[in-house]
Amino acid sequence: MSVKEEIRAQIVGALSEAKFPIKTPEELLGAMPQGAETTCRAGGVVLKAADAGKVLTASDFPFLSAEQVADTIVERAGL
């Protein structure tokens, strides 16, 4: 599995209990198991949920699924 696929899978897993749609960045952080400190690791890449704010914009919301969140983050993070 590539780093991108592993990080994507970890994000989807972290949001497995989330209720969608997620309408705001605050709701997204609240849906993460450890909030902003939720961390995904693969290879040499470390990605914290707090870092999502650097790559997401208001127009990305609402998110309708964990897969949509993960796809957007890994694409924007350049993985």
C-alpha atoms as a PDB file:
ATOM      1  CA  MET A   1       0.000   0.000   0.000  1.00  0.00           C
ATOM      2  CA  SER A   2       1.365   3.432  -0.899  1.00  0.00           C
ATOM      3  CA  VAL A   3       1.763   6.235   1.653  1.00  0.00           C
ATOM      4  CA  LYS A   4      -1.179   8.030   0.028  1.00  0.00           C
ATOM      5  CA  GLU A   5      -3.404   4.946   0.291  1.00  0.00           C
ATOM      6  CA  GLU A   6      -2.365   4.308   3.890  1.00  0.00           C
ATOM      7  CA  ILE A   7      -3.032   7.897   5.005  1.00  0.00           C
ATOM      8  CA  ARG A   8      -6.388   7.841   3.161  1.00  0.00           C
ATOM      9  CA  ALA A   9      -7.356   4.590   4.888  1.00  0.00           C
ATOM     10  CA  GLN A  10      -6.397   6.005   8.293  1.00  0.00           C
ATOM     11  CA  ILE A  11      -8.516   9.135   7.739  1.00  0.00           C
ATOM     12  CA  VAL A  12     -11.501   7.027   6.657  1.00  0.00           C
ATOM     13  CA  GLY A  13     -10.993   4.832   9.728  1.00  0.00           C
ATOM     14  CA  ALA A  14     -10.745   7.821  12.046  1.00  0.00           C
ATOM     15  CA  LEU A  15     -14.088   9.074  10.733  1.00  0.00           C
ATOM     16  CA  SER A  16     -15.858   5.716  10.878  1.00  0.00           C
ATOM     17  CA  GLU A  17     -18.108   6.860  13.735  1.00  0.00           C
ATOM     18  CA  ALA A  18     -18.730  10.369  12.346  1.00  0.00           C
ATOM     19  CA  LYS A  19     -22.213  11.573  11.492  1.00  0.00           C
ATOM     20  CA  PHE A  20     -22.442  13.089   8.022  1.00  0.00           C
ATOM     21  CA  PRO A  21     -22.898  15.595   6.543  1.00  0.00           C
ATOM     22  CA  ILE A  22     -20.093  17.501   8.261  1.00  0.00           C
ATOM     23  CA  LYS A  23     -20.774  21.168   7.642  1.00  0.00           C
ATOM     24  CA  THR A  24     -17.866  23.040   9.265  1.00  0.00           C
ATOM     25  CA  PRO A  25     -14.172  22.649  10.090  1.00  0.00           C
ATOM     26  CA  GLU A  26     -15.138  22.570  13.769  1.00  0.00           C
ATOM     27  CA  GLU A  27     -17.507  19.654  13.168  1.00  0.00           C
ATOM     28  CA  LEU A  28     -14.758  17.841  11.269  1.00  0.00           C
ATOM     29  CA  LEU A  29     -12.273  18.203  14.126  1.00  0.00           C
ATOM     30  CA  GLY A  30     -14.986  17.185  16.587  1.00  0.00           C
ATOM     31  CA  ALA A  31     -15.602  14.010  14.580  1.00  0.00           C
ATOM     32  CA  MET A  32     -11.967  12.915  14.871  1.00  0.00           C
ATOM     33  CA  PRO A  33     -11.216  10.483  17.747  1.00  0.00           C
ATOM     34  CA  GLN A  34      -8.643  12.780  19.388  1.00  0.00           C
ATOM     35  CA  GLY A  35      -9.858  16.012  17.831  1.00  0.00           C
ATOM     36  CA  ALA A  36      -7.105  18.192  16.358  1.00  0.00           C
ATOM     37  CA  GLU A  37      -4.472  15.831  17.773  1.00  0.00           C
ATOM     38  CA  THR A  38      -5.680  12.836  15.719  1.00  0.00           C
ATOM     39  CA  THR A  39      -2.573  11.758  13.791  1.00  0.00           C
ATOM     40  CA  CYS A  40      -2.096   9.610  10.698  1.00  0.00           C
ATOM     41  CA  ARG A  41       1.332   8.107   9.972  1.00  0.00           C
ATOM     42  CA  ALA A  42       2.699   6.239   6.966  1.00  0.00           C
ATOM     43  CA  GLY A  43       6.259   5.976   5.732  1.00  0.00           C
ATOM     44  CA  GLY A  44       7.891   9.229   6.757  1.00  0.00           C
ATOM     45  CA  VAL A  45       4.648  11.212   6.578  1.00  0.00           C
ATOM     46  CA  VAL A  46       2.913  12.477   9.713  1.00  0.00           C
ATOM     47  CA  LEU A  47      -0.408  14.256   9.216  1.00  0.00           C
ATOM     48  CA  LYS A  48      -2.387  15.711  12.124  1.00  0.00           C
ATOM     49  CA  ALA A  49      -6.060  16.574  11.899  1.00  0.00           C
ATOM     50  CA  ALA A  50      -5.118  20.144  12.807  1.00  0.00           C
ATOM     51  CA  ASP A  51      -3.123  20.267   9.540  1.00  0.00           C
ATOM     52  CA  ALA A  52      -6.337  19.732   7.568  1.00  0.00           C
ATOM     53  CA  GLY A  53      -7.185  23.367   8.185  1.00  0.00           C
ATOM     54  CA  LYS A  54      -4.204  24.328   6.066  1.00  0.00           C
ATOM     55  CA  VAL A  55      -5.523  22.487   3.002  1.00  0.00           C
ATOM     56  CA  LEU A  56      -9.321  22.727   3.345  1.00  0.00           C
ATOM     57  CA  THR A  57     -11.421  25.760   2.451  1.00  0.00           C
ATOM     58  CA  ALA A  58     -14.958  26.808   3.370  1.00  0.00           C
ATOM     59  CA  SER A  59     -16.128  25.787  -0.110  1.00  0.00           C
ATOM     60  CA  ASP A  60     -15.110  22.153   0.609  1.00  0.00           C
ATOM     61  CA  PHE A  61     -17.988  21.843   3.077  1.00  0.00           C
ATOM     62  CA  PRO A  62     -20.295  20.094   3.594  1.00  0.00           C
ATOM     63  CA  PHE A  63     -18.570  16.718   3.425  1.00  0.00           C
ATOM     64  CA  LEU A  64     -20.961  13.844   2.780  1.00  0.00           C
ATOM     65  CA  SER A  65     -18.657  10.905   3.608  1.00  0.00           C
ATOM     66  CA  ALA A  66     -15.385   9.921   5.235  1.00  0.00           C
ATOM     67  CA  GLU A  67     -14.076   8.955   1.799  1.00  0.00           C
ATOM     68  CA  GLN A  68     -14.761  12.459   0.494  1.00  0.00           C
ATOM     69  CA  VAL A  69     -12.854  13.985   3.428  1.00  0.00           C
ATOM     70  CA  ALA A  70      -9.924  11.610   2.942  1.00  0.00           C
ATOM     71  CA  ASP A  71      -9.749  12.110  -0.827  1.00  0.00           C
ATOM     72  CA  THR A  72      -9.758  15.901  -0.463  1.00  0.00           C
ATOM     73  CA  ILE A  73      -7.077  15.951   2.238  1.00  0.00           C
ATOM     74  CA  VAL A  74      -4.645  13.539   0.549  1.00  0.00           C
ATOM     75  CA  GLU A  75      -5.054  15.313  -2.793  1.00  0.00           C
ATOM     76  CA  ARG A  76      -4.437  18.765  -1.337  1.00  0.00           C
ATOM     77  CA  ALA A  77      -1.580  17.583   0.861  1.00  0.00           C
ATOM     78  CA  GLY A  78       0.243  16.436  -2.261  1.00  0.00           C
ATOM     79  CA  LEU A  79       0.594  12.820  -1.178  1.00  0.00           C
END
